[in-house]
Amino acid sequence: MSYSNLTRLKTISDLHRFNNMSPPEHPLISLIDYSKINPTPENNELKWVQQFYTISTKRNVTGKYRYGQQSYDFDEGLMTFFSPEQVISVQLTEEDAKSNPSGWILAIHPDFLFGTLLATNIKKYSFLNYSVREALFLSEKEEHIVNGILQNIKTEYQTNLDQFSQQIIISQLELLLGYAERFYQRQFLTRKISNHQILDKLEQLLENYFNRDNVVDNGLPSVQDIAQNLNLTPDYLSSMLKSLTGQTTQQHIHHKLIEKAKVKLSTTNLSVSEIAYGLGFEHPQSFSKLFKSKTKQTPVEFRTAFN
């Protein structure tokens, strides 16, 4: 895959600009009318990496989607789920100009979840964790349920935000994910699940590593260690991951580190030093430096924003 025209979308505002839309009403969550997006493709192709989740309902979408290296299997009335840090591409066809696509795109930045249980629990949904590469096909009744929840989320963030707003939206999002899980189980009875085995193993390997009791003694995971556990050479693993996700092995390790750090900073009273040691850093200063380079905030500044 060529990365010469790869667009990196870091914020919800970036997503709106990418689709030539007006700025979002909320910086961390937005429900977009699919019929109103108007991207500017290069050579009839759109290719991007996003640092947020998107959950979409779509009809009459004719472009050919790829997620990493695999084709995204979908046709008409359906839902799609895309996770942060994955390469997504759409090859547009002549039919796209004639089609009349409709539906909704719910974009949620991970920062919206911090300070809530969903920040951790979202990993249990396989369709948001690199496991499922198949769209969810909906019946008319199922689509009505999903669209109703999406509109509830939009209504809430459009009202005057108060101390209850985040939790109300989170509750609606958990309801949406719960229904999606139920609908997928129905679909899996008749449709084969496609997955990225190496990505699944890498995600599980990093998850297990940072959940071990002896992380302090073992230190940070190295690219060599990860590659060895996956029975691959470090160079081959990084090249493969770059092709699938646009990130090297080291970048995946850093991403998981920052993800774990954000959860601990927003949901525990551990000191920054305790969090650093718990993640395998020998020196807390090294942790703080990495955290700021990735988030543009110090750990203390990040924590303060959620208090």
C-alpha atoms as a PDB file:
ATOM      1  CA  MET A   1       0.000   0.000   0.000  1.00  0.00           C
ATOM      2  CA  SER A   2       1.310   3.453  -0.868  1.00  0.00           C
ATOM      3  CA  TYR A   3       1.269   6.095   1.865  1.00  0.00           C
ATOM      4  CA  SER A   4       1.946   9.117  -0.352  1.00  0.00           C
ATOM      5  CA  ASN A   5      -1.685  10.285  -0.088  1.00  0.00           C
ATOM      6  CA  LEU A   6      -2.451   8.924   3.380  1.00  0.00           C
ATOM      7  CA  THR A   7      -4.356  11.483   5.489  1.00  0.00           C
ATOM      8  CA  ARG A   8      -4.026  11.370   9.268  1.00  0.00           C
ATOM      9  CA  LEU A   9      -7.162  12.405  11.135  1.00  0.00           C
ATOM     10  CA  LYS A  10      -6.318  13.144  14.755  1.00  0.00           C
ATOM     11  CA  THR A  11      -9.501  14.906  15.840  1.00  0.00           C
ATOM     12  CA  ILE A  12     -13.215  14.976  15.105  1.00  0.00           C
ATOM     13  CA  SER A  13     -12.638  18.402  13.546  1.00  0.00           C
ATOM     14  CA  ASP A  14     -10.127  16.791  11.147  1.00  0.00           C
ATOM     15  CA  LEU A  15     -12.838  14.320  10.111  1.00  0.00           C
ATOM     16  CA  HIS A  16     -15.260  17.163   9.348  1.00  0.00           C
ATOM     17  CA  ARG A  17     -12.629  19.018   7.304  1.00  0.00           C
ATOM     18  CA  PHE A  18     -11.704  15.812   5.460  1.00  0.00           C
ATOM     19  CA  ASN A  19     -15.337  15.523   4.351  1.00  0.00           C
ATOM     20  CA  ASN A  20     -15.681  19.259   3.569  1.00  0.00           C
ATOM     21  CA  MET A  21     -18.180  19.834   6.348  1.00  0.00           C
ATOM     22  CA  SER A  22     -18.693  22.613   8.875  1.00  0.00           C
ATOM     23  CA  PRO A  23     -16.965  22.224  12.288  1.00  0.00           C
ATOM     24  CA  PRO A  24     -18.478  19.754  14.793  1.00  0.00           C
ATOM     25  CA  GLU A  25     -20.735  20.949  17.604  1.00  0.00           C
ATOM     26  CA  HIS A  26     -18.749  18.939  20.174  1.00  0.00           C
ATOM     27  CA  PRO A  27     -14.951  18.420  19.980  1.00  0.00           C
ATOM     28  CA  LEU A  28     -14.993  14.733  21.034  1.00  0.00           C
ATOM     29  CA  ILE A  29     -18.215  13.290  19.580  1.00  0.00           C
ATOM     30  CA  SER A  30     -20.233  13.928  16.429  1.00  0.00           C
ATOM     31  CA  LEU A  31     -23.104  12.332  14.514  1.00  0.00           C
ATOM     32  CA  ILE A  32     -22.667  13.042  10.801  1.00  0.00           C
ATOM     33  CA  ASP A  33     -25.369  12.767   8.147  1.00  0.00           C
ATOM     34  CA  TYR A  34     -23.780  10.458   5.558  1.00  0.00           C
ATOM     35  CA  SER A  35     -25.649  12.128   2.686  1.00  0.00           C
ATOM     36  CA  LYS A  36     -23.941  15.439   3.448  1.00  0.00           C
ATOM     37  CA  ILE A  37     -20.297  14.366   3.371  1.00  0.00           C
ATOM     38  CA  ASN A  38     -18.339  15.566   0.364  1.00  0.00           C
ATOM     39  CA  PRO A  39     -14.715  14.354   0.464  1.00  0.00           C
ATOM     40  CA  THR A  40     -12.129  15.276  -2.164  1.00  0.00           C
ATOM     41  CA  PRO A  41     -10.590  12.033  -3.451  1.00  0.00           C
ATOM     42  CA  GLU A  42      -7.153  11.769  -5.032  1.00  0.00           C
ATOM     43  CA  ASN A  43      -7.150   9.523  -8.110  1.00  0.00           C
ATOM     44  CA  ASN A  44     -10.630   8.266  -7.139  1.00  0.00           C
ATOM     45  CA  GLU A  45      -9.297   7.014  -3.789  1.00  0.00           C
ATOM     46  CA  LEU A  46      -9.613   8.110  -0.182  1.00  0.00           C
ATOM     47  CA  LYS A  47      -7.064   6.775   2.289  1.00  0.00           C
ATOM     48  CA  TRP A  48      -6.767   7.737   5.937  1.00  0.00           C
ATOM     49  CA  VAL A  49      -5.800   6.795   9.479  1.00  0.00           C
ATOM     50  CA  GLN A  50      -8.084   8.051  12.240  1.00  0.00           C
ATOM     51  CA  GLN A  51      -7.379   8.355  15.967  1.00  0.00           C
ATOM     52  CA  PHE A  52     -10.986   7.826  17.026  1.00  0.00           C
ATOM     53  CA  TYR A  53     -13.780   5.278  16.698  1.00  0.00           C
ATOM     54  CA  THR A  54     -16.458   5.493  14.039  1.00  0.00           C
ATOM     55  CA  ILE A  55     -19.735   3.550  14.053  1.00  0.00           C
ATOM     56  CA  SER A  56     -21.792   3.945  10.902  1.00  0.00           C
ATOM     57  CA  THR A  57     -25.101   2.942   9.382  1.00  0.00           C
ATOM     58  CA  LYS A  58     -25.108   3.111   5.582  1.00  0.00           C
ATOM     59  CA  ARG A  59     -27.306   2.447   2.574  1.00  0.00           C
ATOM     60  CA  ASN A  60     -26.518   2.638  -1.146  1.00  0.00           C
ATOM     61  CA  VAL A  61     -22.747   2.875  -0.558  1.00  0.00           C
ATOM     62  CA  THR A  62     -20.910   1.589  -3.617  1.00  0.00           C
ATOM     63  CA  GLY A  63     -17.222   2.374  -2.924  1.00  0.00           C
ATOM     64  CA  LYS A  64     -14.819  -0.528  -2.338  1.00  0.00           C
ATOM     65  CA  TYR A  65     -13.535  -0.351   1.231  1.00  0.00           C
ATOM     66  CA  ARG A  66     -10.328  -1.827   2.565  1.00  0.00           C
ATOM     67  CA  TYR A  67      -9.424  -2.001   6.244  1.00  0.00           C
ATOM     68  CA  GLY A  68      -5.687  -2.657   6.603  1.00  0.00           C
ATOM     69  CA  GLN A  69      -4.994  -5.199   3.836  1.00  0.00           C
ATOM     70  CA  GLN A  70      -8.426  -6.814   3.732  1.00  0.00           C
ATOM     71  CA  SER A  71     -11.518  -5.869   1.807  1.00  0.00           C
ATOM     72  CA  TYR A  72     -14.350  -4.763   4.061  1.00  0.00           C
ATOM     73  CA  ASP A  73     -17.220  -7.055   3.180  1.00  0.00           C
ATOM     74  CA  PHE A  74     -20.415  -5.079   2.848  1.00  0.00           C
ATOM     75  CA  ASP A  75     -23.132  -4.267   0.380  1.00  0.00           C
ATOM     76  CA  GLU A  76     -26.327  -2.489   1.434  1.00  0.00           C
ATOM     77  CA  GLY A  77     -28.207  -1.866   4.719  1.00  0.00           C
ATOM     78  CA  LEU A  78     -25.478  -2.307   7.304  1.00  0.00           C
ATOM     79  CA  MET A  79     -23.304  -1.052  10.150  1.00  0.00           C
ATOM     80  CA  THR A  80     -19.535  -0.630  10.049  1.00  0.00           C
ATOM     81  CA  PHE A  81     -17.068  -0.246  12.905  1.00  0.00           C
ATOM     82  CA  PHE A  82     -13.599   1.278  12.600  1.00  0.00           C
ATOM     83  CA  SER A  83     -11.061   1.510  15.428  1.00  0.00           C
ATOM     84  CA  PRO A  84      -8.295   4.069  16.009  1.00  0.00           C
ATOM     85  CA  GLU A  85      -4.932   3.658  14.271  1.00  0.00           C
ATOM     86  CA  GLN A  86      -6.097   1.489  11.364  1.00  0.00           C
ATOM     87  CA  VAL A  87      -5.488   2.331   7.710  1.00  0.00           C
ATOM     88  CA  ILE A  88      -8.802   2.699   5.857  1.00  0.00           C
ATOM     89  CA  SER A  89      -9.111   3.190   2.103  1.00  0.00           C
ATOM     90  CA  VAL A  90     -12.046   3.613  -0.258  1.00  0.00           C
ATOM     91  CA  GLN A  91     -11.754   3.112  -3.998  1.00  0.00           C
ATOM     92  CA  LEU A  92     -14.521   5.136  -5.625  1.00  0.00           C
ATOM     93  CA  THR A  93     -16.266   3.964  -8.792  1.00  0.00           C
ATOM     94  CA  GLU A  94     -18.413   5.594 -11.475  1.00  0.00           C
ATOM     95  CA  GLU A  95     -21.472   4.263  -9.665  1.00  0.00           C
ATOM     96  CA  ASP A  96     -20.667   6.450  -6.646  1.00  0.00           C
ATOM     97  CA  ALA A  97     -21.469   9.609  -8.585  1.00  0.00           C
ATOM     98  CA  LYS A  98     -24.916   8.185  -9.424  1.00  0.00           C
ATOM     99  CA  SER A  99     -25.718   6.700  -6.011  1.00  0.00           C
ATOM    100  CA  ASN A 100     -27.683   8.391  -3.274  1.00  0.00           C
ATOM    101  CA  PRO A 101     -25.997   7.175  -0.059  1.00  0.00           C
ATOM    102  CA  SER A 102     -27.713   7.686   3.280  1.00  0.00           C
ATOM    103  CA  GLY A 103     -27.043   6.873   6.900  1.00  0.00           C
ATOM    104  CA  TRP A 104     -25.118   8.161   9.894  1.00  0.00           C
ATOM    105  CA  ILE A 105     -21.498   8.225  11.074  1.00  0.00           C
ATOM    106  CA  LEU A 106     -20.948   8.434  14.833  1.00  0.00           C
ATOM    107  CA  ALA A 107     -17.384   9.533  15.611  1.00  0.00           C
ATOM    108  CA  ILE A 108     -16.143   9.149  19.198  1.00  0.00           C
ATOM    109  CA  HIS A 109     -12.685  10.244  20.288  1.00  0.00           C
ATOM    110  CA  PRO A 110     -11.169   7.933  22.969  1.00  0.00           C
ATOM    111  CA  ASP A 111     -10.685  10.973  25.224  1.00  0.00           C
ATOM    112  CA  PHE A 112     -14.480  11.216  25.546  1.00  0.00           C
ATOM    113  CA  LEU A 113     -14.464   7.826  27.316  1.00  0.00           C
ATOM    114  CA  PHE A 114     -11.769   8.496  29.897  1.00  0.00           C
ATOM    115  CA  GLY A 115     -13.044   8.690  33.438  1.00  0.00           C
ATOM    116  CA  THR A 116     -15.737   6.086  32.627  1.00  0.00           C
ATOM    117  CA  LEU A 117     -15.825   2.290  32.824  1.00  0.00           C
ATOM    118  CA  LEU A 118     -16.322   2.145  29.064  1.00  0.00           C
ATOM    119  CA  ALA A 119     -12.731   3.375  28.623  1.00  0.00           C
ATOM    120  CA  THR A 120     -11.665  -0.123  29.698  1.00  0.00           C
ATOM    121  CA  ASN A 121     -14.722  -2.187  28.796  1.00  0.00           C
ATOM    122  CA  ILE A 122     -14.783  -1.096  25.152  1.00  0.00           C
ATOM    123  CA  LYS A 123     -11.981  -3.609  24.528  1.00  0.00           C
ATOM    124  CA  LYS A 124     -14.369  -6.489  25.146  1.00  0.00           C
ATOM    125  CA  TYR A 125     -16.272  -5.723  21.953  1.00  0.00           C
ATOM    126  CA  SER A 126     -14.411  -7.713  19.323  1.00  0.00           C
ATOM    127  CA  PHE A 127     -15.834  -5.662  16.457  1.00  0.00           C
ATOM    128  CA  LEU A 128     -13.988  -2.624  17.905  1.00  0.00           C
ATOM    129  CA  ASN A 129     -10.758  -4.465  18.660  1.00  0.00           C
ATOM    130  CA  TYR A 130      -9.259  -5.625  15.350  1.00  0.00           C
ATOM    131  CA  SER A 131     -11.051  -9.008  15.482  1.00  0.00           C
ATOM    132  CA  VAL A 132     -13.953  -8.626  13.055  1.00  0.00           C
ATOM    133  CA  ARG A 133     -13.473  -7.467   9.483  1.00  0.00           C
ATOM    134  CA  GLU A 134     -17.072  -7.863   8.470  1.00  0.00           C
ATOM    135  CA  ALA A 135     -19.862  -5.335   8.383  1.00  0.00           C
ATOM    136  CA  LEU A 136     -23.036  -5.946  10.361  1.00  0.00           C
ATOM    137  CA  PHE A 137     -26.090  -6.460   8.165  1.00  0.00           C
ATOM    138  CA  LEU A 138     -29.283  -5.101   9.669  1.00  0.00           C
ATOM    139  CA  SER A 139     -32.942  -5.908   9.319  1.00  0.00           C
ATOM    140  CA  GLU A 140     -35.349  -2.986   9.032  1.00  0.00           C
ATOM    141  CA  LYS A 141     -36.320  -3.398  12.695  1.00  0.00           C
ATOM    142  CA  GLU A 142     -32.679  -3.538  13.831  1.00  0.00           C
ATOM    143  CA  GLU A 143     -31.800  -0.466  11.790  1.00  0.00           C
ATOM    144  CA  HIS A 144     -34.692   1.422  13.409  1.00  0.00           C
ATOM    145  CA  ILE A 145     -33.365   0.562  16.880  1.00  0.00           C
ATOM    146  CA  VAL A 146     -29.811   1.642  16.013  1.00  0.00           C
ATOM    147  CA  ASN A 147     -30.861   4.915  14.398  1.00  0.00           C
ATOM    148  CA  GLY A 148     -33.036   5.740  17.412  1.00  0.00           C
ATOM    149  CA  ILE A 149     -30.042   5.402  19.756  1.00  0.00           C
ATOM    150  CA  LEU A 150     -27.856   7.502  17.456  1.00  0.00           C
ATOM    151  CA  GLN A 151     -30.427  10.284  17.466  1.00  0.00           C
ATOM    152  CA  ASN A 152     -30.614  10.133  21.275  1.00  0.00           C
ATOM    153  CA  ILE A 153     -26.845  10.688  21.423  1.00  0.00           C
ATOM    154  CA  LYS A 154     -27.059  13.624  19.038  1.00  0.00           C
ATOM    155  CA  THR A 155     -29.914  15.224  20.976  1.00  0.00           C
ATOM    156  CA  GLU A 156     -27.938  14.994  24.220  1.00  0.00           C
ATOM    157  CA  TYR A 157     -24.709  16.608  22.986  1.00  0.00           C
ATOM    158  CA  GLN A 158     -26.685  19.317  21.175  1.00  0.00           C
ATOM    159  CA  THR A 159     -28.454  20.398  24.375  1.00  0.00           C
ATOM    160  CA  ASN A 160     -26.850  22.558  27.048  1.00  0.00           C
ATOM    161  CA  LEU A 161     -24.127  20.273  28.385  1.00  0.00           C
ATOM    162  CA  ASP A 162     -24.090  19.705  32.152  1.00  0.00           C
ATOM    163  CA  GLN A 163     -22.601  17.298  34.709  1.00  0.00           C
ATOM    164  CA  PHE A 164     -24.937  14.504  33.556  1.00  0.00           C
ATOM    165  CA  SER A 165     -24.358  14.769  29.801  1.00  0.00           C
ATOM    166  CA  GLN A 166     -21.286  12.539  29.467  1.00  0.00           C
ATOM    167  CA  GLN A 167     -22.768   9.664  31.463  1.00  0.00           C
ATOM    168  CA  ILE A 168     -26.076   9.850  29.577  1.00  0.00           C
ATOM    169  CA  ILE A 169     -24.225   9.663  26.251  1.00  0.00           C
ATOM    170  CA  ILE A 170     -21.995   6.853  27.559  1.00  0.00           C
ATOM    171  CA  SER A 171     -25.101   4.912  28.606  1.00  0.00           C
ATOM    172  CA  GLN A 172     -26.574   5.305  25.116  1.00  0.00           C
ATOM    173  CA  LEU A 173     -23.261   4.229  23.577  1.00  0.00           C
ATOM    174  CA  GLU A 174     -23.135   1.128  25.800  1.00  0.00           C
ATOM    175  CA  LEU A 175     -26.708   0.327  24.722  1.00  0.00           C
ATOM    176  CA  LEU A 176     -25.686   0.698  21.065  1.00  0.00           C
ATOM    177  CA  LEU A 177     -22.678  -1.602  21.511  1.00  0.00           C
ATOM    178  CA  GLY A 178     -24.813  -4.136  23.357  1.00  0.00           C
ATOM    179  CA  TYR A 179     -27.322  -4.283  20.512  1.00  0.00           C
ATOM    180  CA  ALA A 180     -24.490  -4.538  17.967  1.00  0.00           C
ATOM    181  CA  GLU A 181     -23.038  -7.502  19.874  1.00  0.00           C
ATOM    182  CA  ARG A 182     -26.432  -9.222  19.851  1.00  0.00           C
ATOM    183  CA  PHE A 183     -26.943  -8.568  16.142  1.00  0.00           C
ATOM    184  CA  TYR A 184     -23.449  -9.864  15.319  1.00  0.00           C
ATOM    185  CA  GLN A 185     -24.087 -13.118  17.168  1.00  0.00           C
ATOM    186  CA  ARG A 186     -27.189 -13.570  15.023  1.00  0.00           C
ATOM    187  CA  GLN A 187     -25.181 -12.857  11.890  1.00  0.00           C
ATOM    188  CA  PHE A 188     -22.276 -15.156  12.806  1.00  0.00           C
ATOM    189  CA  LEU A 189     -24.588 -18.147  12.638  1.00  0.00           C
ATOM    190  CA  THR A 190     -24.600 -17.853   8.848  1.00  0.00           C
ATOM    191  CA  ARG A 191     -21.572 -15.714   7.909  1.00  0.00           C
ATOM    192  CA  LYS A 192     -17.871 -16.510   8.349  1.00  0.00           C
ATOM    193  CA  ILE A 193     -15.841 -14.113  10.547  1.00  0.00           C
ATOM    194  CA  SER A 194     -12.712 -12.689   8.912  1.00  0.00           C
ATOM    195  CA  ASN A 195      -9.841 -11.452  11.088  1.00  0.00           C
ATOM    196  CA  HIS A 196      -6.218 -10.305  11.186  1.00  0.00           C
ATOM    197  CA  GLN A 197      -4.536 -13.061  13.146  1.00  0.00           C
ATOM    198  CA  ILE A 198      -1.238 -11.275  13.714  1.00  0.00           C
ATOM    199  CA  LEU A 199      -2.945  -8.081  14.873  1.00  0.00           C
ATOM    200  CA  ASP A 200      -5.160 -10.063  17.226  1.00  0.00           C
ATOM    201  CA  LYS A 201      -2.122 -11.844  18.693  1.00  0.00           C
ATOM    202  CA  LEU A 202      -0.190  -8.588  19.016  1.00  0.00           C
ATOM    203  CA  GLU A 203      -3.093  -6.872  20.783  1.00  0.00           C
ATOM    204  CA  GLN A 204      -3.501  -9.799  23.167  1.00  0.00           C
ATOM    205  CA  LEU A 205       0.247 -10.032  23.765  1.00  0.00           C
ATOM    206  CA  LEU A 206       0.520  -6.344  24.715  1.00  0.00           C
ATOM    207  CA  GLU A 207      -2.655  -6.525  26.799  1.00  0.00           C
ATOM    208  CA  ASN A 208      -1.306  -9.518  28.736  1.00  0.00           C
ATOM    209  CA  TYR A 209       2.100  -7.895  29.173  1.00  0.00           C
ATOM    210  CA  PHE A 210       0.787  -4.722  30.794  1.00  0.00           C
ATOM    211  CA  ASN A 211      -1.648  -6.678  32.981  1.00  0.00           C
ATOM    212  CA  ARG A 212       1.077  -8.865  34.532  1.00  0.00           C
ATOM    213  CA  ASP A 213       2.112  -8.426  38.148  1.00  0.00           C
ATOM    214  CA  ASN A 214       5.855  -8.385  37.326  1.00  0.00           C
ATOM    215  CA  VAL A 215       5.882  -5.581  34.743  1.00  0.00           C
ATOM    216  CA  VAL A 216       8.083  -3.527  37.097  1.00  0.00           C
ATOM    217  CA  ASP A 217      10.743  -6.274  37.141  1.00  0.00           C
ATOM    218  CA  ASN A 218      10.651  -6.955  33.401  1.00  0.00           C
ATOM    219  CA  GLY A 219      10.661  -3.352  32.168  1.00  0.00           C
ATOM    220  CA  LEU A 220       9.205  -2.110  28.902  1.00  0.00           C
ATOM    221  CA  PRO A 221       8.528  -4.628  26.122  1.00  0.00           C
ATOM    222  CA  SER A 222      11.015  -4.401  23.261  1.00  0.00           C
ATOM    223  CA  VAL A 223      10.377  -4.875  19.559  1.00  0.00           C
ATOM    224  CA  GLN A 224      12.714  -7.895  19.710  1.00  0.00           C
ATOM    225  CA  ASP A 225      10.649  -9.469  22.520  1.00  0.00           C
ATOM    226  CA  ILE A 226       7.360  -8.911  20.731  1.00  0.00           C
ATOM    227  CA  ALA A 227       8.664 -10.292  17.431  1.00  0.00           C
ATOM    228  CA  GLN A 228      10.105 -13.345  19.155  1.00  0.00           C
ATOM    229  CA  ASN A 229       6.796 -14.102  20.857  1.00  0.00           C
ATOM    230  CA  LEU A 230       5.059 -13.888  17.471  1.00  0.00           C
ATOM    231  CA  ASN A 231       7.727 -16.078  15.811  1.00  0.00           C
ATOM    232  CA  LEU A 232       8.679 -13.314  13.380  1.00  0.00           C
ATOM    233  CA  THR A 233      11.804 -11.264  12.760  1.00  0.00           C
ATOM    234  CA  PRO A 234      11.613  -7.664  14.057  1.00  0.00           C
ATOM    235  CA  ASP A 235      12.002  -6.192  10.548  1.00  0.00           C
ATOM    236  CA  TYR A 236       9.323  -8.429   9.060  1.00  0.00           C
ATOM    237  CA  LEU A 237       6.888  -7.687  11.886  1.00  0.00           C
ATOM    238  CA  SER A 238       7.334  -3.921  11.602  1.00  0.00           C
ATOM    239  CA  SER A 239       6.946  -4.024   7.805  1.00  0.00           C
ATOM    240  CA  MET A 240       3.793  -6.115   8.082  1.00  0.00           C
ATOM    241  CA  LEU A 241       2.290  -3.852  10.750  1.00  0.00           C
ATOM    242  CA  LYS A 242       3.155  -0.766   8.700  1.00  0.00           C
ATOM    243  CA  SER A 243       1.243  -2.248   5.786  1.00  0.00           C
ATOM    244  CA  LEU A 244      -1.766  -3.211   7.917  1.00  0.00           C
ATOM    245  CA  THR A 245      -2.034  -0.227  10.238  1.00  0.00           C
ATOM    246  CA  GLY A 246       0.411   2.473   9.148  1.00  0.00           C
ATOM    247  CA  GLN A 247       2.369   1.975  12.411  1.00  0.00           C
ATOM    248  CA  THR A 248       5.611   0.204  13.275  1.00  0.00           C
ATOM    249  CA  THR A 249       5.904  -2.272  16.158  1.00  0.00           C
ATOM    250  CA  GLN A 250       7.435   0.414  18.382  1.00  0.00           C
ATOM    251  CA  GLN A 251       4.552   2.766  17.632  1.00  0.00           C
ATOM    252  CA  HIS A 252       2.076   0.023  18.575  1.00  0.00           C
ATOM    253  CA  ILE A 253       3.897  -0.469  21.892  1.00  0.00           C
ATOM    254  CA  HIS A 254       3.819   3.292  22.566  1.00  0.00           C
ATOM    255  CA  HIS A 255       0.131   3.492  21.633  1.00  0.00           C
ATOM    256  CA  LYS A 256      -0.741   0.722  24.097  1.00  0.00           C
ATOM    257  CA  LEU A 257       1.400   2.396  26.777  1.00  0.00           C
ATOM    258  CA  ILE A 258      -0.368   5.734  26.382  1.00  0.00           C
ATOM    259  CA  GLU A 259      -3.766   4.034  26.282  1.00  0.00           C
ATOM    260  CA  LYS A 260      -3.052   2.237  29.581  1.00  0.00           C
ATOM    261  CA  ALA A 261      -1.578   5.386  31.126  1.00  0.00           C
ATOM    262  CA  LYS A 262      -4.651   7.480  30.254  1.00  0.00           C
ATOM    263  CA  VAL A 263      -6.979   4.953  31.878  1.00  0.00           C
ATOM    264  CA  LYS A 264      -4.872   4.855  35.061  1.00  0.00           C
ATOM    265  CA  LEU A 265      -4.578   8.649  35.197  1.00  0.00           C
ATOM    266  CA  SER A 266      -8.319   9.153  34.832  1.00  0.00           C
ATOM    267  CA  THR A 267      -9.632   6.264  36.940  1.00  0.00           C
ATOM    268  CA  THR A 268      -7.116   5.805  39.822  1.00  0.00           C
ATOM    269  CA  ASN A 269      -5.367   7.879  42.478  1.00  0.00           C
ATOM    270  CA  LEU A 270      -1.930   6.408  41.704  1.00  0.00           C
ATOM    271  CA  SER A 271       0.856   8.951  41.471  1.00  0.00           C
ATOM    272  CA  VAL A 272       2.534   9.598  38.130  1.00  0.00           C
ATOM    273  CA  SER A 273       5.635   7.792  39.393  1.00  0.00           C
ATOM    274  CA  GLU A 274       3.590   4.744  40.465  1.00  0.00           C
ATOM    275  CA  ILE A 275       1.918   4.610  37.058  1.00  0.00           C
ATOM    276  CA  ALA A 276       5.290   4.926  35.308  1.00  0.00           C
ATOM    277  CA  TYR A 277       6.832   2.072  37.325  1.00  0.00           C
ATOM    278  CA  GLY A 278       3.687  -0.010  36.884  1.00  0.00           C
ATOM    279  CA  LEU A 279       3.987   0.293  33.114  1.00  0.00           C
ATOM    280  CA  GLY A 280       7.625  -0.815  33.141  1.00  0.00           C
ATOM    281  CA  PHE A 281       9.490   2.505  33.056  1.00  0.00           C
ATOM    282  CA  GLU A 282      12.717   2.634  35.028  1.00  0.00           C
ATOM    283  CA  HIS A 283      12.557   6.426  35.318  1.00  0.00           C
ATOM    284  CA  PRO A 284       9.252   8.381  35.693  1.00  0.00           C
ATOM    285  CA  GLN A 285      10.802  11.262  33.737  1.00  0.00           C
ATOM    286  CA  SER A 286      11.026   9.000  30.661  1.00  0.00           C
ATOM    287  CA  PHE A 287       7.336   8.155  30.998  1.00  0.00           C
ATOM    288  CA  SER A 288       6.347  11.824  31.316  1.00  0.00           C
ATOM    289  CA  LYS A 289       8.449  12.753  28.288  1.00  0.00           C
ATOM    290  CA  LEU A 290       6.873  10.033  26.126  1.00  0.00           C
ATOM    291  CA  PHE A 291       3.366  10.881  27.345  1.00  0.00           C
ATOM    292  CA  LYS A 292       3.757  14.555  26.485  1.00  0.00           C
ATOM    293  CA  SER A 293       5.256  13.786  23.065  1.00  0.00           C
ATOM    294  CA  LYS A 294       2.198  11.680  22.211  1.00  0.00           C
ATOM    295  CA  THR A 295      -0.578  13.734  23.805  1.00  0.00           C
ATOM    296  CA  LYS A 296       0.831  17.306  23.955  1.00  0.00           C
ATOM    297  CA  GLN A 297       0.046  17.241  27.711  1.00  0.00           C
ATOM    298  CA  THR A 298       1.993  16.183  30.781  1.00  0.00           C
ATOM    299  CA  PRO A 299       0.422  13.345  32.809  1.00  0.00           C
ATOM    300  CA  VAL A 300      -0.541  15.857  35.511  1.00  0.00           C
ATOM    301  CA  GLU A 301      -2.180  18.173  32.961  1.00  0.00           C
ATOM    302  CA  PHE A 302      -4.110  15.262  31.477  1.00  0.00           C
ATOM    303  CA  ARG A 303      -5.337  14.114  34.897  1.00  0.00           C
ATOM    304  CA  THR A 304      -6.326  17.638  35.914  1.00  0.00           C
ATOM    305  CA  ALA A 305      -8.513  17.955  32.809  1.00  0.00           C
ATOM    306  CA  PHE A 306     -10.691  15.063  34.057  1.00  0.00           C
ATOM    307  CA  ASN A 307     -10.998  16.208  37.670  1.00  0.00           C
END
